[in-house]
N, C-alpha and C. Protein backbone atom coordinates (compact mmCIF):
# COMPACT_ATOMS: atom_id res chain seq x y z
N MET A 1 -8.92 22.19 -8.55
CA MET A 1 -9.89 21.35 -7.89
C MET A 1 -10.58 22.14 -6.78
N ASN A 2 -11.90 22.14 -6.77
CA ASN A 2 -12.65 22.89 -5.78
C ASN A 2 -12.75 22.14 -4.47
N ARG A 3 -12.79 22.89 -3.39
CA ARG A 3 -12.90 22.29 -2.07
C ARG A 3 -14.36 22.23 -1.66
N ILE A 4 -14.80 21.11 -1.12
CA ILE A 4 -16.17 20.95 -0.68
C ILE A 4 -16.30 21.46 0.74
N LYS A 5 -17.32 22.28 0.99
CA LYS A 5 -17.53 22.81 2.33
C LYS A 5 -18.49 21.90 3.08
N HIS A 6 -18.12 21.53 4.29
CA HIS A 6 -18.94 20.65 5.11
C HIS A 6 -19.44 21.38 6.34
N HIS A 7 -20.45 20.82 6.99
CA HIS A 7 -21.05 21.47 8.16
C HIS A 7 -20.27 21.24 9.44
N VAL A 8 -19.26 20.37 9.41
CA VAL A 8 -18.42 20.14 10.59
C VAL A 8 -16.96 20.32 10.22
N LYS A 9 -16.17 20.71 11.21
CA LYS A 9 -14.73 20.89 11.02
C LYS A 9 -14.00 20.13 12.12
N LYS A 10 -12.71 20.02 11.97
CA LYS A 10 -11.88 19.36 12.96
C LYS A 10 -11.98 20.13 14.28
N GLY A 11 -12.21 19.39 15.36
CA GLY A 11 -12.30 20.01 16.69
C GLY A 11 -13.72 20.28 17.15
N ASP A 12 -14.71 20.23 16.26
CA ASP A 12 -16.11 20.47 16.65
C ASP A 12 -16.63 19.31 17.48
N HIS A 13 -17.63 19.60 18.32
CA HIS A 13 -18.29 18.57 19.12
C HIS A 13 -19.54 18.15 18.38
N VAL A 14 -19.67 16.86 18.04
CA VAL A 14 -20.79 16.38 17.23
C VAL A 14 -21.48 15.20 17.91
N GLU A 15 -22.70 14.93 17.44
CA GLU A 15 -23.48 13.78 17.91
C GLU A 15 -23.84 12.93 16.70
N VAL A 16 -23.78 11.61 16.85
CA VAL A 16 -24.16 10.70 15.76
C VAL A 16 -25.68 10.55 15.80
N ILE A 17 -26.33 10.85 14.66
CA ILE A 17 -27.79 10.87 14.64
C ILE A 17 -28.40 9.65 13.96
N SER A 18 -27.61 8.85 13.23
CA SER A 18 -28.15 7.65 12.61
C SER A 18 -27.05 6.62 12.43
N GLY A 19 -27.46 5.39 12.21
CA GLY A 19 -26.51 4.31 12.04
C GLY A 19 -26.32 3.51 13.31
N ASN A 20 -25.34 2.63 13.31
CA ASN A 20 -25.10 1.74 14.45
C ASN A 20 -24.66 2.47 15.70
N PHE A 21 -24.09 3.65 15.56
CA PHE A 21 -23.54 4.37 16.70
C PHE A 21 -24.40 5.57 17.09
N ARG A 22 -25.70 5.50 16.78
CA ARG A 22 -26.63 6.57 17.07
C ARG A 22 -26.64 6.90 18.56
N GLY A 23 -26.63 8.20 18.87
CA GLY A 23 -26.69 8.64 20.26
C GLY A 23 -25.34 8.94 20.87
N SER A 24 -24.26 8.42 20.30
CA SER A 24 -22.94 8.71 20.87
C SER A 24 -22.44 10.05 20.34
N SER A 25 -21.56 10.67 21.11
CA SER A 25 -21.05 11.98 20.71
C SER A 25 -19.56 12.05 21.01
N GLY A 26 -18.90 13.01 20.42
CA GLY A 26 -17.47 13.18 20.62
C GLY A 26 -16.95 14.33 19.78
N ARG A 27 -15.63 14.50 19.82
CA ARG A 27 -14.95 15.56 19.11
C ARG A 27 -14.49 15.03 17.75
N VAL A 28 -14.56 15.86 16.71
CA VAL A 28 -14.13 15.47 15.38
C VAL A 28 -12.60 15.49 15.34
N LEU A 29 -11.99 14.34 15.03
CA LEU A 29 -10.53 14.25 14.95
C LEU A 29 -10.03 14.60 13.56
N ALA A 30 -10.79 14.24 12.52
CA ALA A 30 -10.39 14.52 11.14
C ALA A 30 -11.62 14.49 10.24
N VAL A 31 -11.56 15.27 9.16
CA VAL A 31 -12.59 15.26 8.14
C VAL A 31 -11.96 14.77 6.85
N LEU A 32 -12.47 13.65 6.32
CA LEU A 32 -11.98 13.08 5.07
C LEU A 32 -12.91 13.58 3.96
N SER A 33 -12.57 14.73 3.39
CA SER A 33 -13.46 15.43 2.48
C SER A 33 -13.76 14.64 1.21
N GLY A 34 -12.77 14.00 0.64
CA GLY A 34 -12.96 13.26 -0.61
C GLY A 34 -13.92 12.10 -0.46
N LYS A 35 -13.89 11.45 0.69
CA LYS A 35 -14.76 10.30 0.95
C LYS A 35 -16.02 10.68 1.71
N GLN A 36 -16.17 11.96 2.07
CA GLN A 36 -17.30 12.48 2.84
C GLN A 36 -17.47 11.71 4.15
N ARG A 37 -16.38 11.56 4.89
CA ARG A 37 -16.41 10.83 6.16
C ARG A 37 -15.69 11.63 7.23
N VAL A 38 -16.01 11.33 8.48
CA VAL A 38 -15.36 11.99 9.61
C VAL A 38 -14.91 10.94 10.61
N LEU A 39 -13.86 11.26 11.36
CA LEU A 39 -13.40 10.44 12.48
C LEU A 39 -13.85 11.15 13.75
N VAL A 40 -14.66 10.48 14.56
CA VAL A 40 -15.17 11.05 15.80
C VAL A 40 -14.55 10.31 16.97
N GLU A 41 -14.07 11.07 17.94
CA GLU A 41 -13.38 10.51 19.10
C GLU A 41 -14.31 9.59 19.89
N GLY A 42 -13.89 8.34 20.08
CA GLY A 42 -14.65 7.38 20.88
C GLY A 42 -15.80 6.71 20.16
N VAL A 43 -15.98 6.96 18.87
CA VAL A 43 -17.08 6.38 18.10
C VAL A 43 -16.48 5.44 17.05
N ARG A 44 -17.09 4.26 16.88
CA ARG A 44 -16.67 3.23 15.94
C ARG A 44 -15.21 2.85 16.15
N ILE A 45 -14.93 2.31 17.32
CA ILE A 45 -13.59 1.84 17.64
C ILE A 45 -13.35 0.53 16.88
N ILE A 46 -12.30 0.49 16.06
CA ILE A 46 -11.96 -0.71 15.31
C ILE A 46 -10.61 -1.23 15.78
N LYS A 47 -10.37 -2.51 15.55
CA LYS A 47 -9.09 -3.11 15.94
C LYS A 47 -8.25 -3.30 14.68
N LYS A 48 -7.07 -2.70 14.69
CA LYS A 48 -6.16 -2.80 13.54
C LYS A 48 -4.98 -3.68 13.94
N HIS A 49 -4.76 -4.72 13.17
CA HIS A 49 -3.66 -5.64 13.45
C HIS A 49 -2.39 -5.12 12.80
N LEU A 50 -1.36 -4.88 13.61
CA LEU A 50 -0.09 -4.37 13.12
C LEU A 50 0.93 -5.49 13.07
N ARG A 51 1.66 -5.58 11.98
CA ARG A 51 2.65 -6.64 11.86
C ARG A 51 3.91 -6.29 12.63
N LYS A 52 4.78 -7.23 12.81
CA LYS A 52 6.01 -7.03 13.56
C LYS A 52 6.88 -5.99 12.86
N SER A 53 7.48 -5.11 13.65
CA SER A 53 8.39 -4.10 13.12
C SER A 53 9.32 -3.67 14.23
N GLN A 54 10.19 -2.71 13.95
CA GLN A 54 11.09 -2.22 14.98
C GLN A 54 10.31 -1.52 16.10
N ASP A 55 9.23 -0.84 15.73
CA ASP A 55 8.40 -0.17 16.74
C ASP A 55 7.62 -1.17 17.59
N ASN A 56 7.11 -2.23 16.96
CA ASN A 56 6.34 -3.27 17.65
C ASN A 56 7.02 -4.62 17.41
N PRO A 57 8.00 -5.00 18.24
CA PRO A 57 8.75 -6.24 18.00
C PRO A 57 7.89 -7.50 18.02
N SER A 58 6.80 -7.49 18.77
CA SER A 58 5.97 -8.69 18.83
C SER A 58 4.62 -8.50 18.13
N GLY A 59 4.47 -7.43 17.36
CA GLY A 59 3.19 -7.15 16.73
C GLY A 59 2.25 -6.52 17.73
N LYS A 60 1.07 -6.12 17.28
CA LYS A 60 0.17 -5.40 18.17
C LYS A 60 -1.23 -5.36 17.56
N ILE A 61 -2.23 -5.35 18.40
CA ILE A 61 -3.60 -5.09 17.96
C ILE A 61 -3.97 -3.72 18.51
N ALA A 62 -3.99 -2.73 17.63
CA ALA A 62 -4.24 -1.34 18.04
C ALA A 62 -5.71 -1.01 17.87
N GLU A 63 -6.27 -0.29 18.83
CA GLU A 63 -7.65 0.18 18.73
C GLU A 63 -7.63 1.64 18.34
N ARG A 64 -8.44 1.98 17.32
CA ARG A 64 -8.52 3.36 16.88
C ARG A 64 -9.91 3.63 16.31
N GLU A 65 -10.20 4.90 16.06
CA GLU A 65 -11.50 5.29 15.54
C GLU A 65 -11.59 4.99 14.05
N GLY A 66 -12.76 4.54 13.61
CA GLY A 66 -13.02 4.32 12.20
C GLY A 66 -13.89 5.44 11.66
N PRO A 67 -13.87 5.67 10.35
CA PRO A 67 -14.66 6.76 9.78
C PRO A 67 -16.15 6.43 9.69
N ILE A 68 -16.99 7.45 9.86
CA ILE A 68 -18.43 7.33 9.63
C ILE A 68 -18.84 8.42 8.65
N HIS A 69 -19.95 8.22 7.98
CA HIS A 69 -20.38 9.18 6.96
C HIS A 69 -20.75 10.51 7.59
N ILE A 70 -20.40 11.58 6.88
CA ILE A 70 -20.57 12.93 7.43
C ILE A 70 -22.04 13.31 7.60
N SER A 71 -22.94 12.66 6.84
CA SER A 71 -24.37 12.96 6.96
C SER A 71 -24.97 12.34 8.22
N ASN A 72 -24.23 11.44 8.88
CA ASN A 72 -24.74 10.80 10.09
C ASN A 72 -24.39 11.56 11.37
N VAL A 73 -23.76 12.72 11.24
CA VAL A 73 -23.40 13.49 12.44
C VAL A 73 -24.09 14.85 12.42
N ARG A 74 -24.36 15.34 13.63
CA ARG A 74 -24.99 16.65 13.81
C ARG A 74 -24.08 17.50 14.69
N LEU A 75 -23.90 18.74 14.31
CA LEU A 75 -23.05 19.66 15.06
C LEU A 75 -23.72 20.05 16.36
N LEU A 76 -23.01 19.86 17.48
CA LEU A 76 -23.52 20.29 18.78
C LEU A 76 -22.88 21.60 19.20
N GLU A 77 -21.57 21.69 19.05
CA GLU A 77 -20.86 22.89 19.48
C GLU A 77 -19.66 23.12 18.59
N ARG A 78 -19.51 24.34 18.10
CA ARG A 78 -18.39 24.72 17.25
C ARG A 78 -17.14 24.89 18.12
N GLU A 79 -15.98 24.57 17.58
CA GLU A 79 -14.73 24.75 18.31
C GLU A 79 -14.47 26.23 18.50
N LYS A 80 -14.04 26.61 19.68
CA LYS A 80 -13.74 28.01 19.97
C LYS A 80 -12.37 28.33 19.37
N SER A 81 -12.33 29.35 18.52
CA SER A 81 -11.06 29.70 17.88
C SER A 81 -10.47 30.94 18.53
N GLU A 82 -9.16 31.05 18.47
CA GLU A 82 -8.45 32.18 19.04
C GLU A 82 -8.32 33.31 18.02
N LYS A 83 -8.85 33.12 16.84
CA LYS A 83 -8.69 34.10 15.78
C LYS A 83 -9.71 35.22 15.83
N GLY A 84 -10.47 35.35 16.88
CA GLY A 84 -11.57 36.30 16.98
C GLY A 84 -11.18 37.73 16.70
N ALA A 85 -12.07 38.64 16.98
CA ALA A 85 -11.85 40.05 16.71
C ALA A 85 -10.66 40.57 17.50
N GLY A 86 -9.85 41.35 16.84
CA GLY A 86 -8.71 41.98 17.50
C GLY A 86 -7.47 41.12 17.54
N ALA A 87 -7.48 39.97 16.93
CA ALA A 87 -6.30 39.11 16.97
C ALA A 87 -5.21 39.63 16.04
N LYS A 88 -5.62 40.32 14.98
CA LYS A 88 -4.65 40.80 14.02
C LYS A 88 -4.52 42.31 14.16
N SER A 89 -3.32 42.79 14.28
CA SER A 89 -3.11 44.21 14.46
C SER A 89 -2.06 44.70 13.47
N ASP A 90 -2.43 45.68 12.65
CA ASP A 90 -1.50 46.21 11.65
C ASP A 90 -1.01 47.60 12.03
N LYS A 91 -1.25 48.04 13.24
CA LYS A 91 -0.84 49.38 13.64
C LYS A 91 0.68 49.48 13.68
N GLY A 92 1.19 50.57 13.16
CA GLY A 92 2.62 50.79 13.19
C GLY A 92 3.36 50.17 12.03
N LYS A 93 2.67 49.45 11.17
CA LYS A 93 3.34 48.82 10.03
C LYS A 93 3.17 49.71 8.81
N LYS A 94 4.19 49.77 8.00
CA LYS A 94 4.14 50.56 6.76
C LYS A 94 3.81 49.64 5.60
N GLY A 95 2.83 50.03 4.82
CA GLY A 95 2.46 49.26 3.66
C GLY A 95 3.11 49.82 2.41
N LYS A 96 2.81 49.24 1.26
CA LYS A 96 3.36 49.72 0.00
C LYS A 96 2.67 51.00 -0.44
N ARG A 97 1.42 51.14 -0.10
CA ARG A 97 0.66 52.30 -0.53
C ARG A 97 0.84 53.44 0.47
N ALA A 98 0.84 54.63 -0.03
CA ALA A 98 0.99 55.80 0.83
C ALA A 98 -0.33 56.08 1.54
N GLU A 99 -0.23 56.58 2.75
CA GLU A 99 -1.43 56.96 3.49
C GLU A 99 -2.09 58.13 2.78
N ARG A 100 -3.37 58.29 2.96
CA ARG A 100 -4.11 59.38 2.33
C ARG A 100 -3.59 60.71 2.91
N GLY A 101 -3.30 61.61 2.05
CA GLY A 101 -2.81 62.92 2.49
C GLY A 101 -1.30 63.03 2.46
N GLU A 102 -0.58 61.93 2.37
CA GLU A 102 0.87 61.98 2.30
C GLU A 102 1.31 62.28 0.87
N ALA A 103 2.36 63.01 0.74
CA ALA A 103 2.88 63.33 -0.58
C ALA A 103 3.78 62.18 -1.02
N THR A 104 3.72 61.85 -2.28
CA THR A 104 4.58 60.80 -2.81
C THR A 104 5.70 61.43 -3.60
N SER A 105 6.88 60.90 -3.51
CA SER A 105 8.02 61.44 -4.25
C SER A 105 8.16 60.70 -5.56
N LYS A 106 8.50 61.47 -6.63
CA LYS A 106 8.65 60.86 -7.95
C LYS A 106 10.07 60.90 -8.41
């Protein structure tokens, strides 16, 4: 199964450009690739009714973000990653292949 590439990733700062929540912005919490939707922090807050359980003995009405379509968001700022240049260093490690100029024993 091929993976679909989207213009936003988890952690990016985006702005909602159309729909009921136009003009609001926030950080992407999750990308639901199969449904082409994203969860944006502070946008489309929905109330979820939770039934009684050991965690919630009296039940609860929880507020959380609801998904919006990925085409309704615009990327404002990409998340800064720590994987930049120089993060990986292979110096001093021996690989399976011999270095150029080294003699191989048979």
